[in-house]
Amino acid sequence: MRWKVRAEQGDLKAAAEARQLSDRLGLNPLALMRLRAEVEHVDEVENRGKRRRETSVPQRKNPPKDDPRSSLYAV
């Protein structure tokens, strides 16, 4: 962030711009709250994806073991 560097050197306009950008981008706790940002836990997201993949992939009854296409599926 070049605005931040210029602000640290004493440029007040740059300091104001850096503050406004941090508010828009959600780089501070108050901005995160205003944007209603939610932090997801990695384990929950991985489990949700795993369950979705298990239900969306059609299971073949007797897939050939030497066929490389048996591990492919459409998303």
PDB file of N, CA and C in Angstrom:
ATOM      1  N   MET A   1       0.835  -1.180   0.000  1.00  0.00           N
ATOM      2  CA  MET A   1       0.000   0.000   0.000  1.00  0.00           C
ATOM      3  C   MET A   1       0.879   1.242   0.000  1.00  0.00           C
ATOM      4  N   ARG A   2       0.945   1.879  -1.081  1.00  0.00           N
ATOM      5  CA  ARG A   2       1.766   3.082  -1.195  1.00  0.00           C
ATOM      6  C   ARG A   2       1.193   4.223  -0.357  1.00  0.00           C
ATOM      7  N   TRP A   3      -0.131   4.238  -0.186  1.00  0.00           N
ATOM      8  CA  TRP A   3      -0.744   5.296   0.642  1.00  0.00           C
ATOM      9  C   TRP A   3      -0.254   5.202   2.073  1.00  0.00           C
ATOM     10  N   LYS A   4      -0.126   3.988   2.557  1.00  0.00           N
ATOM     11  CA  LYS A   4       0.319   3.777   3.934  1.00  0.00           C
ATOM     12  C   LYS A   4       1.761   4.267   4.121  1.00  0.00           C
ATOM     13  N   VAL A   5       2.609   3.999   3.152  1.00  0.00           N
ATOM     14  CA  VAL A   5       4.009   4.426   3.237  1.00  0.00           C
ATOM     15  C   VAL A   5       4.096   5.948   3.237  1.00  0.00           C
ATOM     16  N   ARG A   6       3.340   6.567   2.334  1.00  0.00           N
ATOM     17  CA  ARG A   6       3.363   8.036   2.277  1.00  0.00           C
ATOM     18  C   ARG A   6       2.779   8.630   3.560  1.00  0.00           C
ATOM     19  N   ALA A   7       1.779   7.966   4.131  1.00  0.00           N
ATOM     20  CA  ALA A   7       1.190   8.459   5.378  1.00  0.00           C
ATOM     21  C   ALA A   7       2.206   8.395   6.514  1.00  0.00           C
ATOM     22  N   GLU A   8       3.014   7.322   6.540  1.00  0.00           N
ATOM     23  CA  GLU A   8       4.027   7.192   7.579  1.00  0.00           C
ATOM     24  C   GLU A   8       5.125   8.242   7.440  1.00  0.00           C
ATOM     25  N   GLN A   9       5.268   8.800   6.238  1.00  0.00           N
ATOM     26  CA  GLN A   9       6.268   9.849   6.019  1.00  0.00           C
ATOM     27  C   GLN A   9       5.705  11.224   6.347  1.00  0.00           C
ATOM     28  N   GLY A  10       4.428  11.291   6.746  1.00  0.00           N
ATOM     29  CA  GLY A  10       3.873  12.563   7.192  1.00  0.00           C
ATOM     30  C   GLY A  10       2.847  13.189   6.269  1.00  0.00           C
ATOM     31  N   ASP A  11       2.486  12.546   5.185  1.00  0.00           N
ATOM     32  CA  ASP A  11       1.502  13.086   4.245  1.00  0.00           C
ATOM     33  C   ASP A  11       0.093  12.847   4.792  1.00  0.00           C
ATOM     34  N   LEU A  12      -0.603  13.932   5.182  1.00  0.00           N
ATOM     35  CA  LEU A  12      -1.932  13.794   5.791  1.00  0.00           C
ATOM     36  C   LEU A  12      -2.988  13.336   4.797  1.00  0.00           C
ATOM     37  N   LYS A  13      -2.869  13.779   3.539  1.00  0.00           N
ATOM     38  CA  LYS A  13      -3.823  13.319   2.522  1.00  0.00           C
ATOM     39  C   LYS A  13      -3.691  11.810   2.309  1.00  0.00           C
ATOM     40  N   ALA A  14      -2.472  11.338   2.276  1.00  0.00           N
ATOM     41  CA  ALA A  14      -2.230   9.912   2.104  1.00  0.00           C
ATOM     42  C   ALA A  14      -2.752   9.130   3.307  1.00  0.00           C
ATOM     43  N   ALA A  15      -2.621   9.679   4.500  1.00  0.00           N
ATOM     44  CA  ALA A  15      -3.131   9.017   5.699  1.00  0.00           C
ATOM     45  C   ALA A  15      -4.646   8.883   5.628  1.00  0.00           C
ATOM     46  N   ALA A  16      -5.317   9.941   5.172  1.00  0.00           N
ATOM     47  CA  ALA A  16      -6.773   9.896   5.042  1.00  0.00           C
ATOM     48  C   ALA A  16      -7.186   8.860   3.998  1.00  0.00           C
ATOM     49  N   GLU A  17      -6.468   8.813   2.896  1.00  0.00           N
ATOM     50  CA  GLU A  17      -6.789   7.847   1.841  1.00  0.00           C
ATOM     51  C   GLU A  17      -6.559   6.419   2.312  1.00  0.00           C
ATOM     52  N   ALA A  18      -5.474   6.180   3.033  1.00  0.00           N
ATOM     53  CA  ALA A  18      -5.176   4.848   3.552  1.00  0.00           C
ATOM     54  C   ALA A  18      -6.261   4.399   4.530  1.00  0.00           C
ATOM     55  N   ARG A  19      -6.712   5.317   5.367  1.00  0.00           N
ATOM     56  CA  ARG A  19      -7.782   4.974   6.315  1.00  0.00           C
ATOM     57  C   ARG A  19      -9.068   4.624   5.579  1.00  0.00           C
ATOM     58  N   GLN A  20      -9.411   5.404   4.550  1.00  0.00           N
ATOM     59  CA  GLN A  20     -10.636   5.132   3.788  1.00  0.00           C
ATOM     60  C   GLN A  20     -10.546   3.790   3.058  1.00  0.00           C
ATOM     61  N   LEU A  21      -9.381   3.489   2.500  1.00  0.00           N
ATOM     62  CA  LEU A  21      -9.213   2.208   1.817  1.00  0.00           C
ATOM     63  C   LEU A  21      -9.323   1.043   2.785  1.00  0.00           C
ATOM     64  N   SER A  22      -8.761   1.197   3.971  1.00  0.00           N
ATOM     65  CA  SER A  22      -8.846   0.103   4.944  1.00  0.00           C
ATOM     66  C   SER A  22     -10.293  -0.127   5.377  1.00  0.00           C
ATOM     67  N   ASP A  23     -11.075   0.941   5.439  1.00  0.00           N
ATOM     68  CA  ASP A  23     -12.497   0.780   5.771  1.00  0.00           C
ATOM     69  C   ASP A  23     -13.257   0.081   4.649  1.00  0.00           C
ATOM     70  N   ARG A  24     -12.954   0.431   3.413  1.00  0.00           N
ATOM     71  CA  ARG A  24     -13.654  -0.188   2.275  1.00  0.00           C
ATOM     72  C   ARG A  24     -13.284  -1.652   2.093  1.00  0.00           C
ATOM     73  N   LEU A  25     -12.029  -1.985   2.363  1.00  0.00           N
ATOM     74  CA  LEU A  25     -11.550  -3.343   2.126  1.00  0.00           C
ATOM     75  C   LEU A  25     -11.731  -4.266   3.327  1.00  0.00           C
ATOM     76  N   GLY A  26     -12.171  -3.753   4.447  1.00  0.00           N
ATOM     77  CA  GLY A  26     -12.374  -4.589   5.619  1.00  0.00           C
ATOM     78  C   GLY A  26     -11.077  -4.988   6.289  1.00  0.00           C
ATOM     79  N   LEU A  27     -10.145  -4.056   6.396  1.00  0.00           N
ATOM     80  CA  LEU A  27      -8.839  -4.368   6.970  1.00  0.00           C
ATOM     81  C   LEU A  27      -8.736  -4.056   8.450  1.00  0.00           C
ATOM     82  N   ASN A  28      -9.827  -3.638   9.067  1.00  0.00           N
ATOM     83  CA  ASN A  28      -9.815  -3.410  10.514  1.00  0.00           C
ATOM     84  C   ASN A  28     -11.099  -4.006  11.095  1.00  0.00           C
ATOM     85  N   PRO A  29     -11.143  -4.249  12.394  1.00  0.00           N
ATOM     86  CA  PRO A  29     -12.295  -4.918  12.989  1.00  0.00           C
ATOM     87  C   PRO A  29     -13.631  -4.204  12.764  1.00  0.00           C
ATOM     88  N   LEU A  30     -13.642  -2.887  12.843  1.00  0.00           N
ATOM     89  CA  LEU A  30     -14.893  -2.155  12.637  1.00  0.00           C
ATOM     90  C   LEU A  30     -15.382  -2.305  11.199  1.00  0.00           C
ATOM     91  N   ALA A  31     -14.469  -2.255  10.242  1.00  0.00           N
ATOM     92  CA  ALA A  31     -14.846  -2.420   8.839  1.00  0.00           C
ATOM     93  C   ALA A  31     -15.362  -3.831   8.576  1.00  0.00           C
ATOM     94  N   LEU A  32     -14.757  -4.834   9.214  1.00  0.00           N
ATOM     95  CA  LEU A  32     -15.252  -6.206   9.076  1.00  0.00           C
ATOM     96  C   LEU A  32     -16.674  -6.326   9.601  1.00  0.00           C
ATOM     97  N   MET A  33     -16.940  -5.656  10.715  1.00  0.00           N
ATOM     98  CA  MET A  33     -18.283  -5.701  11.277  1.00  0.00           C
ATOM     99  C   MET A  33     -19.281  -5.021  10.339  1.00  0.00           C
ATOM    100  N   ARG A  34     -18.903  -3.880   9.788  1.00  0.00           N
ATOM    101  CA  ARG A  34     -19.798  -3.174   8.870  1.00  0.00           C
ATOM    102  C   ARG A  34     -20.082  -3.982   7.612  1.00  0.00           C
ATOM    103  N   LEU A  35     -19.076  -4.717   7.139  1.00  0.00           N
ATOM    104  CA  LEU A  35     -19.244  -5.543   5.950  1.00  0.00           C
ATOM    105  C   LEU A  35     -19.941  -6.867   6.254  1.00  0.00           C
ATOM    106  N   ARG A  36     -20.193  -7.097   7.533  1.00  0.00           N
ATOM    107  CA  ARG A  36     -20.825  -8.340   8.003  1.00  0.00           C
ATOM    108  C   ARG A  36     -20.046  -9.565   7.547  1.00  0.00           C
ATOM    109  N   ALA A  37     -18.744  -9.476   7.662  1.00  0.00           N
ATOM    110  CA  ALA A  37     -17.868 -10.574   7.263  1.00  0.00           C
ATOM    111  C   ALA A  37     -17.958 -11.694   8.288  1.00  0.00           C
ATOM    112  N   GLU A  38     -17.949 -12.917   7.790  1.00  0.00           N
ATOM    113  CA  GLU A  38     -17.977 -14.084   8.664  1.00  0.00           C
ATOM    114  C   GLU A  38     -16.757 -14.937   8.379  1.00  0.00           C
ATOM    115  N   VAL A  39     -16.132 -15.416   9.432  1.00  0.00           N
ATOM    116  CA  VAL A  39     -14.969 -16.266   9.300  1.00  0.00           C
ATOM    117  C   VAL A  39     -15.432 -17.706   9.444  1.00  0.00           C
ATOM    118  N   GLU A  40     -15.156 -18.504   8.416  1.00  0.00           N
ATOM    119  CA  GLU A  40     -15.546 -19.906   8.470  1.00  0.00           C
ATOM    120  C   GLU A  40     -14.376 -20.731   8.980  1.00  0.00           C
ATOM    121  N   HIS A  41     -14.693 -21.746   9.735  1.00  0.00           N
ATOM    122  CA  HIS A  41     -13.667 -22.648  10.234  1.00  0.00           C
ATOM    123  C   HIS A  41     -13.329 -23.652   9.136  1.00  0.00           C
ATOM    124  N   VAL A  42     -12.058 -23.929   8.957  1.00  0.00           N
ATOM    125  CA  VAL A  42     -11.593 -24.780   7.868  1.00  0.00           C
ATOM    126  C   VAL A  42     -12.189 -26.177   7.963  1.00  0.00           C
ATOM    127  N   ASP A  43     -12.249 -26.743   9.163  1.00  0.00           N
ATOM    128  CA  ASP A  43     -12.767 -28.103   9.319  1.00  0.00           C
ATOM    129  C   ASP A  43     -14.213 -28.203   8.854  1.00  0.00           C
ATOM    130  N   GLU A  44     -15.025 -27.216   9.214  1.00  0.00           N
ATOM    131  CA  GLU A  44     -16.433 -27.240   8.815  1.00  0.00           C
ATOM    132  C   GLU A  44     -16.577 -27.159   7.298  1.00  0.00           C
ATOM    133  N   VAL A  45     -15.789 -26.312   6.671  1.00  0.00           N
ATOM    134  CA  VAL A  45     -15.864 -26.144   5.221  1.00  0.00           C
ATOM    135  C   VAL A  45     -15.401 -27.416   4.516  1.00  0.00           C
ATOM    136  N   GLU A  46     -14.320 -28.021   5.008  1.00  0.00           N
ATOM    137  CA  GLU A  46     -13.836 -29.261   4.399  1.00  0.00           C
ATOM    138  C   GLU A  46     -14.862 -30.373   4.529  1.00  0.00           C
ATOM    139  N   ASN A  47     -15.482 -30.486   5.694  1.00  0.00           N
ATOM    140  CA  ASN A  47     -16.498 -31.520   5.891  1.00  0.00           C
ATOM    141  C   ASN A  47     -17.707 -31.287   4.989  1.00  0.00           C
ATOM    142  N   ARG A  48     -18.112 -30.029   4.852  1.00  0.00           N
ATOM    143  CA  ARG A  48     -19.245 -29.706   3.986  1.00  0.00           C
ATOM    144  C   ARG A  48     -18.931 -30.075   2.535  1.00  0.00           C
ATOM    145  N   GLY A  49     -17.728 -29.769   2.074  1.00  0.00           N
ATOM    146  CA  GLY A  49     -17.320 -30.109   0.712  1.00  0.00           C
ATOM    147  C   GLY A  49     -17.240 -31.608   0.503  1.00  0.00           C
ATOM    148  N   LYS A  50     -16.724 -32.311   1.502  1.00  0.00           N
ATOM    149  CA  LYS A  50     -16.620 -33.766   1.404  1.00  0.00           C
ATOM    150  C   LYS A  50     -18.001 -34.407   1.317  1.00  0.00           C
ATOM    151  N   ARG A  51     -18.933 -33.937   2.150  1.00  0.00           N
ATOM    152  CA  ARG A  51     -20.307 -34.473   2.100  1.00  0.00           C
ATOM    153  C   ARG A  51     -20.951 -34.175   0.757  1.00  0.00           C
ATOM    154  N   ARG A  52     -20.721 -32.957   0.232  1.00  0.00           N
ATOM    155  CA  ARG A  52     -21.309 -32.591  -1.057  1.00  0.00           C
ATOM    156  C   ARG A  52     -20.748 -33.464  -2.174  1.00  0.00           C
ATOM    157  N   ARG A  53     -19.442 -33.711  -2.142  1.00  0.00           N
ATOM    158  CA  ARG A  53     -18.838 -34.554  -3.177  1.00  0.00           C
ATOM    159  C   ARG A  53     -19.333 -35.987  -3.088  1.00  0.00           C
ATOM    160  N   GLU A  54     -19.512 -36.490  -1.878  1.00  0.00           N
ATOM    161  CA  GLU A  54     -19.992 -37.865  -1.723  1.00  0.00           C
ATOM    162  C   GLU A  54     -21.404 -38.039  -2.267  1.00  0.00           C
ATOM    163  N   THR A  55     -22.245 -37.024  -2.102  1.00  0.00           N
ATOM    164  CA  THR A  55     -23.620 -37.150  -2.577  1.00  0.00           C
ATOM    165  C   THR A  55     -23.749 -36.836  -4.055  1.00  0.00           C
ATOM    166  N   SER A  56     -22.838 -36.041  -4.629  1.00  0.00           N
ATOM    167  CA  SER A  56     -22.980 -35.646  -6.024  1.00  0.00           C
ATOM    168  C   SER A  56     -22.291 -36.606  -6.997  1.00  0.00           C
ATOM    169  N   VAL A  57     -21.353 -37.409  -6.520  1.00  0.00           N
ATOM    170  CA  VAL A  57     -20.637 -38.329  -7.403  1.00  0.00           C
ATOM    171  C   VAL A  57     -21.423 -39.623  -7.497  1.00  0.00           C
ATOM    172  N   PRO A  58     -21.851 -39.997  -8.705  1.00  0.00           N
ATOM    173  CA  PRO A  58     -22.571 -41.269  -8.832  1.00  0.00           C
ATOM    174  C   PRO A  58     -21.615 -42.431  -8.589  1.00  0.00           C
ATOM    175  N   GLN A  59     -22.034 -43.345  -7.779  1.00  0.00           N
ATOM    176  CA  GLN A  59     -21.214 -44.503  -7.446  1.00  0.00           C
ATOM    177  C   GLN A  59     -21.468 -45.616  -8.461  1.00  0.00           C
ATOM    178  N   ARG A  60     -20.389 -46.100  -9.066  1.00  0.00           N
ATOM    179  CA  ARG A  60     -20.506 -47.201 -10.012  1.00  0.00           C
ATOM    180  C   ARG A  60     -20.494 -48.502  -9.239  1.00  0.00           C
ATOM    181  N   LYS A  61     -21.252 -49.482  -9.718  1.00  0.00           N
ATOM    182  CA  LYS A  61     -21.359 -50.754  -8.990  1.00  0.00           C
ATOM    183  C   LYS A  61     -20.055 -51.533  -9.014  1.00  0.00           C
ATOM    184  N   ASN A  62     -19.505 -51.773 -10.178  1.00  0.00           N
ATOM    185  CA  ASN A  62     -18.248 -52.521 -10.294  1.00  0.00           C
ATOM    186  C   ASN A  62     -17.296 -51.774 -11.224  1.00  0.00           C
ATOM    187  N   PRO A  63     -16.640 -50.730 -10.724  1.00  0.00           N
ATOM    188  CA  PRO A  63     -15.740 -49.999 -11.613  1.00  0.00           C
ATOM    189  C   PRO A  63     -14.500 -50.833 -11.923  1.00  0.00           C
ATOM    190  N   PRO A  64     -14.052 -50.810 -13.173  1.00  0.00           N
ATOM    191  CA  PRO A  64     -12.825 -51.545 -13.498  1.00  0.00           C
ATOM    192  C   PRO A  64     -11.625 -50.917 -12.778  1.00  0.00           C
ATOM    193  N   LYS A  65     -10.781 -51.747 -12.236  1.00  0.00           N
ATOM    194  CA  LYS A  65      -9.671 -51.250 -11.421  1.00  0.00           C
ATOM    195  C   LYS A  65      -8.546 -50.651 -12.261  1.00  0.00           C
ATOM    196  N   ASP A  66      -8.389 -51.094 -13.493  1.00  0.00           N
ATOM    197  CA  ASP A  66      -7.293 -50.594 -14.305  1.00  0.00           C
ATOM    198  C   ASP A  66      -7.701 -49.420 -15.205  1.00  0.00           C
ATOM    199  N   ASP A  67      -8.939 -49.028 -15.166  1.00  0.00           N
ATOM    200  CA  ASP A  67      -9.422 -47.926 -16.002  1.00  0.00           C
ATOM    201  C   ASP A  67      -9.161 -46.600 -15.293  1.00  0.00           C
ATOM    202  N   PRO A  68      -8.308 -45.707 -15.845  1.00  0.00           N
ATOM    203  CA  PRO A  68      -8.009 -44.441 -15.177  1.00  0.00           C
ATOM    204  C   PRO A  68      -9.211 -43.507 -15.130  1.00  0.00           C
ATOM    205  N   ARG A  69     -10.200 -43.748 -15.990  1.00  0.00           N
ATOM    206  CA  ARG A  69     -11.393 -42.895 -15.984  1.00  0.00           C
ATOM    207  C   ARG A  69     -12.308 -43.177 -14.794  1.00  0.00           C
ATOM    208  N   SER A  70     -12.078 -44.247 -14.074  1.00  0.00           N
ATOM    209  CA  SER A  70     -12.967 -44.598 -12.958  1.00  0.00           C
ATOM    210  C   SER A  70     -12.863 -43.594 -11.806  1.00  0.00           C
ATOM    211  N   SER A  71     -11.759 -42.838 -11.745  1.00  0.00           N
ATOM    212  CA  SER A  71     -11.619 -41.854 -10.659  1.00  0.00           C
ATOM    213  C   SER A  71     -12.097 -40.471 -11.065  1.00  0.00           C
ATOM    214  N   LEU A  72     -12.501 -40.282 -12.326  1.00  0.00           N
ATOM    215  CA  LEU A  72     -12.953 -38.989 -12.793  1.00  0.00           C
ATOM    216  C   LEU A  72     -14.440 -38.793 -12.529  1.00  0.00           C
ATOM    217  N   TYR A  73     -14.825 -37.565 -12.244  1.00  0.00           N
ATOM    218  CA  TYR A  73     -16.238 -37.249 -12.082  1.00  0.00           C
ATOM    219  C   TYR A  73     -16.455 -35.778 -12.444  1.00  0.00           C
ATOM    220  N   ALA A  74     -17.676 -35.451 -12.824  1.00  0.00           N
ATOM    221  CA  ALA A  74     -18.014 -34.090 -13.211  1.00  0.00           C
ATOM    222  C   ALA A  74     -18.467 -33.304 -11.996  1.00  0.00           C
ATOM    223  N   VAL A  75     -18.089 -32.047 -11.966  1.00  0.00           N
ATOM    224  CA  VAL A  75     -18.467 -31.191 -10.833  1.00  0.00           C
ATOM    225  C   VAL A  75     -19.619 -30.324 -11.233  1.00  0.00           C
TER     226      VAL A  75
END
